[in-house]
Amino acid sequence: MTATPDPNADTVWVEPVALIDRIPRWVAMLALAAVVIAIWDLATARMAWVSPIILPSPAETLADLIFVGQNLASGGYMLEALWTTTRTVFWAFLIATAIGFSLGVLVGETKFGERAVMPYLVAIDTMPKVAFAPLFIAWLGFDIASKVALAAFIATFPIIVSTAAGLYAASENERMLFKSIGASRLQTLFRLKLPTGLPHIFTGLKIAAVGVMAGAITGEFLGGGQGFGALIRQSASTMDTPRVFALILYLSLLGLALFFAVAWLQKRLVFWNKADRPGGVG
């Protein structure tokens, strides 16, 4: 007798999942953090392999984290500094988004932008952007405007590239379909190319959300001001490394907030795209 195959049997081959990949994300993150802190404590507090001037112990850093947190909660001078940096990051990100999206559409939608404008944008992006900080300070002064300009300058190029790439994401068949039904160039842009390219555009926005933080802090380092970057520079000048670490950690929370705000917006606007969900952030 020959066995008849079960029609309900699963015939799709499924790749076996490794044991380490079965660990929930939050457990893996906590375990990794615990291992890093344990090695950090061993190298600084227990064995004293590293000078506390170079790398403070976790306990010293925690003490300064608490101090900075209390100052922020009580509305002290650090809260004003954090608000200054937050405004710089916010305005720089908005300006970078507006300029980057506009230039991205120009590059991705016109031959003039692709052939004439893009080479200049690439040439500017290859330059060391930090070197422009003295120029922005000379042009705009030591106020927040020069920091916003530098941060926006650093964050703009990823948005340009991702927007231009997103406009090419629509397939040839989709573009031919819109052409066959008599859609105008503007209708094709807004009803096909931009919706299809949103995943690419949001990828550039996520990169820009990270770059704008670096630009804002660099500007405060080099151009003075009242932001968190100035506090880090002052603490570093007195070799107060625990305070430097504490301030950097609080700044990372600001950067994460901006990044996850963009990721949240992407989930709301690009809910139909599942390509970047597994294993990805946002």
C-alpha atoms as a PDB file:
ATOM      1  CA  MET A   1       0.000   0.000   0.000  1.00  0.00           C
ATOM      2  CA  THR A   2       1.142   3.526  -0.702  1.00  0.00           C
ATOM      3  CA  ALA A   3       0.558   6.171   1.910  1.00  0.00           C
ATOM      4  CA  THR A   4      -1.621   9.021   0.776  1.00  0.00           C
ATOM      5  CA  PRO A   5      -0.194  12.425   1.626  1.00  0.00           C
ATOM      6  CA  ASP A   6      -2.049  14.398   4.231  1.00  0.00           C
ATOM      7  CA  PRO A   7      -3.460  17.529   2.511  1.00  0.00           C
ATOM      8  CA  ASN A   8      -3.404  19.353   5.844  1.00  0.00           C
ATOM      9  CA  ALA A   9       0.282  18.717   6.404  1.00  0.00           C
ATOM     10  CA  ASP A  10       2.545  21.744   6.420  1.00  0.00           C
ATOM     11  CA  THR A  11       4.753  21.467   3.369  1.00  0.00           C
ATOM     12  CA  VAL A  12       6.423  24.868   3.752  1.00  0.00           C
ATOM     13  CA  TRP A  13      10.015  24.608   4.906  1.00  0.00           C
ATOM     14  CA  VAL A  14      10.658  26.737   7.965  1.00  0.00           C
ATOM     15  CA  GLU A  15      14.183  27.694   8.908  1.00  0.00           C
ATOM     16  CA  PRO A  16      14.946  26.606  12.487  1.00  0.00           C
ATOM     17  CA  VAL A  17      15.302  29.483  14.905  1.00  0.00           C
ATOM     18  CA  ALA A  18      18.496  29.549  16.959  1.00  0.00           C
ATOM     19  CA  LEU A  19      18.137  29.434  20.737  1.00  0.00           C
ATOM     20  CA  ILE A  20      19.634  32.897  21.182  1.00  0.00           C
ATOM     21  CA  ASP A  21      17.074  34.338  18.743  1.00  0.00           C
ATOM     22  CA  ARG A  22      14.215  32.983  20.865  1.00  0.00           C
ATOM     23  CA  ILE A  23      15.140  35.227  23.784  1.00  0.00           C
ATOM     24  CA  PRO A  24      12.691  38.151  24.126  1.00  0.00           C
ATOM     25  CA  ARG A  25      14.159  41.510  23.127  1.00  0.00           C
ATOM     26  CA  TRP A  26      13.806  43.099  26.577  1.00  0.00           C
ATOM     27  CA  VAL A  27      15.517  40.138  28.260  1.00  0.00           C
ATOM     28  CA  ALA A  28      18.409  40.256  25.775  1.00  0.00           C
ATOM     29  CA  MET A  29      18.790  44.019  26.215  1.00  0.00           C
ATOM     30  CA  LEU A  30      18.806  43.785  30.021  1.00  0.00           C
ATOM     31  CA  ALA A  31      21.278  40.885  29.956  1.00  0.00           C
ATOM     32  CA  LEU A  32      23.619  42.752  27.612  1.00  0.00           C
ATOM     33  CA  ALA A  33      23.437  45.894  29.768  1.00  0.00           C
ATOM     34  CA  ALA A  34      24.178  43.839  32.897  1.00  0.00           C
ATOM     35  CA  VAL A  35      27.240  42.261  31.291  1.00  0.00           C
ATOM     36  CA  VAL A  36      28.580  45.634  30.107  1.00  0.00           C
ATOM     37  CA  ILE A  37      28.056  47.238  33.535  1.00  0.00           C
ATOM     38  CA  ALA A  38      29.701  44.260  35.271  1.00  0.00           C
ATOM     39  CA  ILE A  39      32.794  44.512  33.036  1.00  0.00           C
ATOM     40  CA  TRP A  40      32.810  48.292  33.479  1.00  0.00           C
ATOM     41  CA  ASP A  41      32.660  47.951  37.285  1.00  0.00           C
ATOM     42  CA  LEU A  42      35.382  45.302  37.269  1.00  0.00           C
ATOM     43  CA  ALA A  43      37.731  47.449  35.196  1.00  0.00           C
ATOM     44  CA  THR A  44      37.207  50.638  37.226  1.00  0.00           C
ATOM     45  CA  ALA A  45      36.067  50.000  40.797  1.00  0.00           C
ATOM     46  CA  ARG A  46      37.179  46.421  41.535  1.00  0.00           C
ATOM     47  CA  MET A  47      40.507  45.987  39.754  1.00  0.00           C
ATOM     48  CA  ALA A  48      41.305  49.663  39.004  1.00  0.00           C
ATOM     49  CA  TRP A  49      42.650  48.803  35.576  1.00  0.00           C
ATOM     50  CA  VAL A  50      41.486  52.190  34.278  1.00  0.00           C
ATOM     51  CA  SER A  51      42.064  55.554  35.922  1.00  0.00           C
ATOM     52  CA  PRO A  52      38.850  57.208  37.207  1.00  0.00           C
ATOM     53  CA  ILE A  53      39.916  60.367  35.357  1.00  0.00           C
ATOM     54  CA  ILE A  54      39.604  58.453  32.095  1.00  0.00           C
ATOM     55  CA  LEU A  55      36.631  56.238  32.929  1.00  0.00           C
ATOM     56  CA  PRO A  56      34.532  56.706  36.092  1.00  0.00           C
ATOM     57  CA  SER A  57      32.999  53.745  37.858  1.00  0.00           C
ATOM     58  CA  PRO A  58      29.303  52.885  37.447  1.00  0.00           C
ATOM     59  CA  ALA A  59      28.651  54.033  41.027  1.00  0.00           C
ATOM     60  CA  GLU A  60      30.198  57.454  40.385  1.00  0.00           C
ATOM     61  CA  THR A  61      28.283  57.815  37.156  1.00  0.00           C
ATOM     62  CA  LEU A  62      25.053  56.795  38.888  1.00  0.00           C
ATOM     63  CA  ALA A  63      25.617  59.424  41.585  1.00  0.00           C
ATOM     64  CA  ASP A  64      25.979  62.117  38.940  1.00  0.00           C
ATOM     65  CA  LEU A  65      22.977  60.760  37.055  1.00  0.00           C
ATOM     66  CA  ILE A  66      20.928  61.248  40.199  1.00  0.00           C
ATOM     67  CA  PHE A  67      22.353  64.747  40.729  1.00  0.00           C
ATOM     68  CA  VAL A  68      21.594  65.808  37.159  1.00  0.00           C
ATOM     69  CA  GLY A  69      18.129  64.270  37.382  1.00  0.00           C
ATOM     70  CA  GLN A  70      17.376  66.145  40.594  1.00  0.00           C
ATOM     71  CA  ASN A  71      18.581  69.397  39.030  1.00  0.00           C
ATOM     72  CA  LEU A  72      16.353  68.815  36.016  1.00  0.00           C
ATOM     73  CA  ALA A  73      13.370  67.922  38.196  1.00  0.00           C
ATOM     74  CA  SER A  74      13.813  71.013  40.390  1.00  0.00           C
ATOM     75  CA  GLY A  75      13.961  73.342  37.385  1.00  0.00           C
ATOM     76  CA  GLY A  76      17.613  74.263  37.891  1.00  0.00           C
ATOM     77  CA  TYR A  77      20.131  75.602  35.428  1.00  0.00           C
ATOM     78  CA  MET A  78      20.493  72.187  33.754  1.00  0.00           C
ATOM     79  CA  LEU A  79      16.828  72.192  32.781  1.00  0.00           C
ATOM     80  CA  GLU A  80      17.339  75.506  31.012  1.00  0.00           C
ATOM     81  CA  ALA A  81      20.392  74.072  29.258  1.00  0.00           C
ATOM     82  CA  LEU A  82      18.451  70.971  28.204  1.00  0.00           C
ATOM     83  CA  TRP A  83      15.626  73.152  26.889  1.00  0.00           C
ATOM     84  CA  THR A  84      18.133  75.157  24.837  1.00  0.00           C
ATOM     85  CA  THR A  85      19.546  71.986  23.273  1.00  0.00           C
ATOM     86  CA  THR A  86      16.042  70.612  22.682  1.00  0.00           C
ATOM     87  CA  ARG A  87      15.016  73.765  20.807  1.00  0.00           C
ATOM     88  CA  THR A  88      18.192  73.599  18.738  1.00  0.00           C
ATOM     89  CA  VAL A  89      17.565  69.964  17.806  1.00  0.00           C
ATOM     90  CA  PHE A  90      13.874  70.561  17.063  1.00  0.00           C
ATOM     91  CA  TRP A  91      14.348  73.546  14.763  1.00  0.00           C
ATOM     92  CA  ALA A  92      17.374  72.016  13.052  1.00  0.00           C
ATOM     93  CA  PHE A  93      15.449  68.825  12.337  1.00  0.00           C
ATOM     94  CA  LEU A  94      12.505  70.744  10.890  1.00  0.00           C
ATOM     95  CA  ILE A  95      14.778  72.860   8.680  1.00  0.00           C
ATOM     96  CA  ALA A  96      16.777  69.817   7.548  1.00  0.00           C
ATOM     97  CA  THR A  97      13.551  67.979   6.719  1.00  0.00           C
ATOM     98  CA  ALA A  98      12.162  70.880   4.677  1.00  0.00           C
ATOM     99  CA  ILE A  99      15.393  71.522   2.751  1.00  0.00           C
ATOM    100  CA  GLY A 100      16.283  67.848   2.352  1.00  0.00           C
ATOM    101  CA  PHE A 101      12.826  66.889   1.100  1.00  0.00           C
ATOM    102  CA  SER A 102      12.705  69.793  -1.374  1.00  0.00           C
ATOM    103  CA  LEU A 103      16.151  69.066  -2.791  1.00  0.00           C
ATOM    104  CA  GLY A 104      15.389  65.334  -2.834  1.00  0.00           C
ATOM    105  CA  VAL A 105      12.312  65.926  -4.967  1.00  0.00           C
ATOM    106  CA  LEU A 106      14.344  68.180  -7.254  1.00  0.00           C
ATOM    107  CA  VAL A 107      17.055  65.527  -7.654  1.00  0.00           C
ATOM    108  CA  GLY A 108      14.685  62.581  -7.988  1.00  0.00           C
ATOM    109  CA  GLU A 109      12.100  64.215 -10.230  1.00  0.00           C
ATOM    110  CA  THR A 110      14.112  66.316 -12.675  1.00  0.00           C
ATOM    111  CA  LYS A 111      17.074  65.651 -14.939  1.00  0.00           C
ATOM    112  CA  PHE A 112      18.452  69.060 -14.000  1.00  0.00           C
ATOM    113  CA  GLY A 113      18.531  68.100 -10.336  1.00  0.00           C
ATOM    114  CA  GLU A 114      20.078  64.711 -11.029  1.00  0.00           C
ATOM    115  CA  ARG A 115      22.745  65.950 -13.452  1.00  0.00           C
ATOM    116  CA  ALA A 116      23.531  69.464 -12.228  1.00  0.00           C
ATOM    117  CA  VAL A 117      22.521  69.770  -8.562  1.00  0.00           C
ATOM    118  CA  MET A 118      23.385  66.326  -7.173  1.00  0.00           C
ATOM    119  CA  PRO A 119      27.142  66.480  -7.943  1.00  0.00           C
ATOM    120  CA  TYR A 120      27.421  69.710  -5.946  1.00  0.00           C
ATOM    121  CA  LEU A 121      25.453  68.205  -3.043  1.00  0.00           C
ATOM    122  CA  VAL A 122      27.744  65.163  -2.997  1.00  0.00           C
ATOM    123  CA  ALA A 123      30.822  67.402  -3.093  1.00  0.00           C
ATOM    124  CA  ILE A 124      29.516  69.430  -0.139  1.00  0.00           C
ATOM    125  CA  ASP A 125      28.663  66.265   1.806  1.00  0.00           C
ATOM    126  CA  THR A 126      32.203  64.907   1.412  1.00  0.00           C
ATOM    127  CA  MET A 127      33.615  67.986   3.158  1.00  0.00           C
ATOM    128  CA  PRO A 128      34.259  67.796   6.928  1.00  0.00           C
ATOM    129  CA  LYS A 129      31.099  69.475   8.182  1.00  0.00           C
ATOM    130  CA  VAL A 130      32.561  70.368  11.580  1.00  0.00           C
ATOM    131  CA  ALA A 131      34.955  72.682   9.748  1.00  0.00           C
ATOM    132  CA  PHE A 132      31.957  74.822   8.796  1.00  0.00           C
ATOM    133  CA  ALA A 133      31.195  75.582  12.464  1.00  0.00           C
ATOM    134  CA  PRO A 134      33.437  78.713  12.610  1.00  0.00           C
ATOM    135  CA  LEU A 135      31.783  79.996   9.445  1.00  0.00           C
ATOM    136  CA  PHE A 136      28.283  79.579  10.843  1.00  0.00           C
ATOM    137  CA  ILE A 137      29.394  81.339  14.026  1.00  0.00           C
ATOM    138  CA  ALA A 138      30.899  84.201  12.010  1.00  0.00           C
ATOM    139  CA  TRP A 139      27.750  84.502   9.897  1.00  0.00           C
ATOM    140  CA  LEU A 140      25.084  83.992  12.583  1.00  0.00           C
ATOM    141  CA  GLY A 141      26.837  84.786  15.875  1.00  0.00           C
ATOM    142  CA  PHE A 142      27.111  82.812  19.104  1.00  0.00           C
ATOM    143  CA  ASP A 143      23.351  82.548  19.595  1.00  0.00           C
ATOM    144  CA  ILE A 144      21.227  79.476  18.927  1.00  0.00           C
ATOM    145  CA  ALA A 145      20.963  80.278  15.206  1.00  0.00           C
ATOM    146  CA  SER A 146      24.518  79.130  14.429  1.00  0.00           C
ATOM    147  CA  LYS A 147      23.946  75.812  16.247  1.00  0.00           C
ATOM    148  CA  VAL A 148      20.678  75.243  14.400  1.00  0.00           C
ATOM    149  CA  ALA A 149      22.381  75.968  11.079  1.00  0.00           C
ATOM    150  CA  LEU A 150      25.249  73.531  11.742  1.00  0.00           C
ATOM    151  CA  ALA A 151      22.923  70.770  12.962  1.00  0.00           C
ATOM    152  CA  ALA A 152      20.601  71.202   9.973  1.00  0.00           C
ATOM    153  CA  PHE A 153      23.591  71.237   7.627  1.00  0.00           C
ATOM    154  CA  ILE A 154      24.774  67.886   8.981  1.00  0.00           C
ATOM    155  CA  ALA A 155      21.319  66.263   8.904  1.00  0.00           C
ATOM    156  CA  THR A 156      20.135  67.412   5.468  1.00  0.00           C
ATOM    157  CA  PHE A 157      22.027  65.117   3.080  1.00  0.00           C
ATOM    158  CA  PRO A 158      20.553  61.761   4.271  1.00  0.00           C
ATOM    159  CA  ILE A 159      17.064  63.160   3.682  1.00  0.00           C
ATOM    160  CA  ILE A 160      18.021  64.313   0.182  1.00  0.00           C
ATOM    161  CA  VAL A 161      19.370  60.892  -0.776  1.00  0.00           C
ATOM    162  CA  SER A 162      16.503  58.921   0.767  1.00  0.00           C
ATOM    163  CA  THR A 163      13.852  61.152  -0.826  1.00  0.00           C
ATOM    164  CA  ALA A 164      15.460  60.875  -4.268  1.00  0.00           C
ATOM    165  CA  ALA A 165      15.760  57.094  -3.867  1.00  0.00           C
ATOM    166  CA  GLY A 166      12.151  56.884  -2.715  1.00  0.00           C
ATOM    167  CA  LEU A 167      10.905  58.582  -5.875  1.00  0.00           C
ATOM    168  CA  TYR A 168      12.527  55.788  -7.903  1.00  0.00           C
ATOM    169  CA  ALA A 169      10.869  53.077  -5.784  1.00  0.00           C
ATOM    170  CA  ALA A 170       7.719  52.856  -7.907  1.00  0.00           C
ATOM    171  CA  SER A 171       7.961  50.134 -10.533  1.00  0.00           C
ATOM    172  CA  GLU A 172       7.937  50.800 -14.248  1.00  0.00           C
ATOM    173  CA  ASN A 173       4.551  49.079 -14.561  1.00  0.00           C
ATOM    174  CA  GLU A 174       3.034  51.382 -11.944  1.00  0.00           C
ATOM    175  CA  ARG A 175       4.385  54.473 -13.682  1.00  0.00           C
ATOM    176  CA  MET A 176       3.120  53.247 -17.041  1.00  0.00           C
ATOM    177  CA  LEU A 177      -0.307  52.626 -15.530  1.00  0.00           C
ATOM    178  CA  PHE A 178      -0.527  56.206 -14.272  1.00  0.00           C
ATOM    179  CA  LYS A 179       0.637  57.462 -17.651  1.00  0.00           C
ATOM    180  CA  SER A 180      -1.946  55.352 -19.485  1.00  0.00           C
ATOM    181  CA  ILE A 181      -4.844  56.799 -17.469  1.00  0.00           C
ATOM    182  CA  GLY A 182      -3.691  60.329 -18.263  1.00  0.00           C
ATOM    183  CA  ALA A 183      -2.289  61.284 -14.833  1.00  0.00           C
ATOM    184  CA  SER A 184      -0.252  64.465 -14.833  1.00  0.00           C
ATOM    185  CA  ARG A 185       3.315  64.603 -13.591  1.00  0.00           C
ATOM    186  CA  LEU A 186       2.165  66.252 -10.373  1.00  0.00           C
ATOM    187  CA  GLN A 187      -0.553  63.638  -9.812  1.00  0.00           C
ATOM    188  CA  THR A 188       1.950  60.845 -10.400  1.00  0.00           C
ATOM    189  CA  LEU A 189       4.308  62.433  -7.887  1.00  0.00           C
ATOM    190  CA  PHE A 190       1.770  62.859  -5.102  1.00  0.00           C
ATOM    191  CA  ARG A 191      -0.377  59.776  -5.681  1.00  0.00           C
ATOM    192  CA  LEU A 192       2.267  57.220  -6.664  1.00  0.00           C
ATOM    193  CA  LYS A 193       5.893  58.172  -6.191  1.00  0.00           C
ATOM    194  CA  LEU A 194       5.712  59.841  -2.776  1.00  0.00           C
ATOM    195  CA  PRO A 195       3.453  57.197  -1.136  1.00  0.00           C
ATOM    196  CA  THR A 196       5.609  54.408  -2.566  1.00  0.00           C
ATOM    197  CA  GLY A 197       8.800  56.161  -1.476  1.00  0.00           C
ATOM    198  CA  LEU A 198       7.720  56.898   2.110  1.00  0.00           C
ATOM    199  CA  PRO A 199       9.690  53.953   3.608  1.00  0.00           C
ATOM    200  CA  HIS A 200      12.881  55.304   2.018  1.00  0.00           C
ATOM    201  CA  ILE A 201      12.106  58.854   3.130  1.00  0.00           C
ATOM    202  CA  PHE A 202      11.566  57.791   6.732  1.00  0.00           C
ATOM    203  CA  THR A 203      14.846  55.892   6.676  1.00  0.00           C
ATOM    204  CA  GLY A 204      16.566  59.168   5.839  1.00  0.00           C
ATOM    205  CA  LEU A 205      14.615  60.947   8.579  1.00  0.00           C
ATOM    206  CA  LYS A 206      15.800  58.394  11.141  1.00  0.00           C
ATOM    207  CA  ILE A 207      19.412  58.918  10.084  1.00  0.00           C
ATOM    208  CA  ALA A 208      18.874  62.677  10.240  1.00  0.00           C
ATOM    209  CA  ALA A 209      17.407  62.376  13.746  1.00  0.00           C
ATOM    210  CA  VAL A 210      20.741  60.943  14.884  1.00  0.00           C
ATOM    211  CA  GLY A 211      22.870  63.378  12.881  1.00  0.00           C
ATOM    212  CA  VAL A 212      21.029  66.452  14.097  1.00  0.00           C
ATOM    213  CA  MET A 213      21.946  65.583  17.696  1.00  0.00           C
ATOM    214  CA  ALA A 214      25.625  65.370  16.791  1.00  0.00           C
ATOM    215  CA  GLY A 215      25.425  68.680  14.958  1.00  0.00           C
ATOM    216  CA  ALA A 216      23.704  70.493  17.812  1.00  0.00           C
ATOM    217  CA  ILE A 217      26.185  69.310  20.439  1.00  0.00           C
ATOM    218  CA  THR A 218      29.148  70.044  18.165  1.00  0.00           C
ATOM    219  CA  GLY A 219      27.857  73.566  17.683  1.00  0.00           C
ATOM    220  CA  GLU A 220      27.504  74.069  21.432  1.00  0.00           C
ATOM    221  CA  PHE A 221      30.993  72.687  21.956  1.00  0.00           C
ATOM    222  CA  LEU A 222      32.631  75.025  19.489  1.00  0.00           C
ATOM    223  CA  GLY A 223      30.354  78.040  19.646  1.00  0.00           C
ATOM    224  CA  GLY A 224      29.594  78.374  23.315  1.00  0.00           C
ATOM    225  CA  GLY A 225      26.011  78.957  24.359  1.00  0.00           C
ATOM    226  CA  GLN A 226      23.906  77.634  27.192  1.00  0.00           C
ATOM    227  CA  GLY A 227      23.061  74.113  26.075  1.00  0.00           C
ATOM    228  CA  PHE A 228      24.062  70.682  27.312  1.00  0.00           C
ATOM    229  CA  GLY A 229      27.071  70.734  25.014  1.00  0.00           C
ATOM    230  CA  ALA A 230      28.428  73.753  26.908  1.00  0.00           C
ATOM    231  CA  LEU A 231      27.893  71.917  30.222  1.00  0.00           C
ATOM    232  CA  ILE A 232      29.791  68.903  28.887  1.00  0.00           C
ATOM    233  CA  ARG A 233      32.656  71.150  27.771  1.00  0.00           C
ATOM    234  CA  GLN A 234      32.802  72.814  31.195  1.00  0.00           C
ATOM    235  CA  SER A 235      32.773  69.459  33.019  1.00  0.00           C
ATOM    236  CA  ALA A 236      35.455  68.031  30.732  1.00  0.00           C
ATOM    237  CA  SER A 237      37.687  71.055  31.327  1.00  0.00           C
ATOM    238  CA  THR A 238      37.669  70.266  35.067  1.00  0.00           C
ATOM    239  CA  MET A 239      38.181  66.502  34.488  1.00  0.00           C
ATOM    240  CA  ASP A 240      34.748  65.771  35.973  1.00  0.00           C
ATOM    241  CA  THR A 241      34.241  62.640  33.878  1.00  0.00           C
ATOM    242  CA  PRO A 242      31.302  61.262  35.919  1.00  0.00           C
ATOM    243  CA  ARG A 243      29.382  64.457  35.156  1.00  0.00           C
ATOM    244  CA  VAL A 244      30.331  64.208  31.473  1.00  0.00           C
ATOM    245  CA  PHE A 245      29.014  60.635  31.316  1.00  0.00           C
ATOM    246  CA  ALA A 246      25.806  61.602  33.107  1.00  0.00           C
ATOM    247  CA  LEU A 247      25.142  64.504  30.736  1.00  0.00           C
ATOM    248  CA  ILE A 248      25.845  62.315  27.705  1.00  0.00           C
ATOM    249  CA  LEU A 249      23.396  59.686  28.933  1.00  0.00           C
ATOM    250  CA  TYR A 250      20.645  62.274  29.360  1.00  0.00           C
ATOM    251  CA  LEU A 251      21.409  63.607  25.890  1.00  0.00           C
ATOM    252  CA  SER A 252      21.021  60.094  24.519  1.00  0.00           C
ATOM    253  CA  LEU A 253      17.479  60.069  25.919  1.00  0.00           C
ATOM    254  CA  LEU A 254      16.737  63.202  23.905  1.00  0.00           C
ATOM    255  CA  GLY A 255      18.129  61.569  20.769  1.00  0.00           C
ATOM    256  CA  LEU A 256      16.129  58.399  21.390  1.00  0.00           C
ATOM    257  CA  ALA A 257      12.965  60.446  21.890  1.00  0.00           C
ATOM    258  CA  LEU A 258      13.415  62.111  18.503  1.00  0.00           C
ATOM    259  CA  PHE A 259      14.289  58.825  16.782  1.00  0.00           C
ATOM    260  CA  PHE A 260      11.274  56.983  18.189  1.00  0.00           C
ATOM    261  CA  ALA A 261       9.001  59.931  17.415  1.00  0.00           C
ATOM    262  CA  VAL A 262       9.996  59.529  13.753  1.00  0.00           C
ATOM    263  CA  ALA A 263       9.532  55.751  14.015  1.00  0.00           C
ATOM    264  CA  TRP A 264       6.072  56.239  15.566  1.00  0.00           C
ATOM    265  CA  LEU A 265       5.089  58.598  12.752  1.00  0.00           C
ATOM    266  CA  GLN A 266       6.337  56.073  10.209  1.00  0.00           C
ATOM    267  CA  LYS A 267       4.149  53.345  11.687  1.00  0.00           C
ATOM    268  CA  ARG A 268       1.116  55.617  11.449  1.00  0.00           C
ATOM    269  CA  LEU A 269       1.741  56.802   7.894  1.00  0.00           C
ATOM    270  CA  VAL A 270       3.403  53.723   6.374  1.00  0.00           C
ATOM    271  CA  PHE A 271       1.339  51.080   8.161  1.00  0.00           C
ATOM    272  CA  TRP A 272       1.056  49.074   4.935  1.00  0.00           C
ATOM    273  CA  ASN A 273       4.801  48.461   4.697  1.00  0.00           C
ATOM    274  CA  LYS A 274       5.950  45.348   6.552  1.00  0.00           C
ATOM    275  CA  ALA A 275       9.438  45.036   5.073  1.00  0.00           C
ATOM    276  CA  ASP A 276      11.331  46.648   7.942  1.00  0.00           C
ATOM    277  CA  ARG A 277       9.289  45.299  10.850  1.00  0.00           C
ATOM    278  CA  PRO A 278      11.022  42.002  11.785  1.00  0.00           C
ATOM    279  CA  GLY A 279      14.027  42.642  13.924  1.00  0.00           C
ATOM    280  CA  GLY A 280      14.057  46.347  13.167  1.00  0.00           C
ATOM    281  CA  VAL A 281      13.564  49.367  15.325  1.00  0.00           C
ATOM    282  CA  GLY A 282      10.315  51.109  14.541  1.00  0.00           C
END
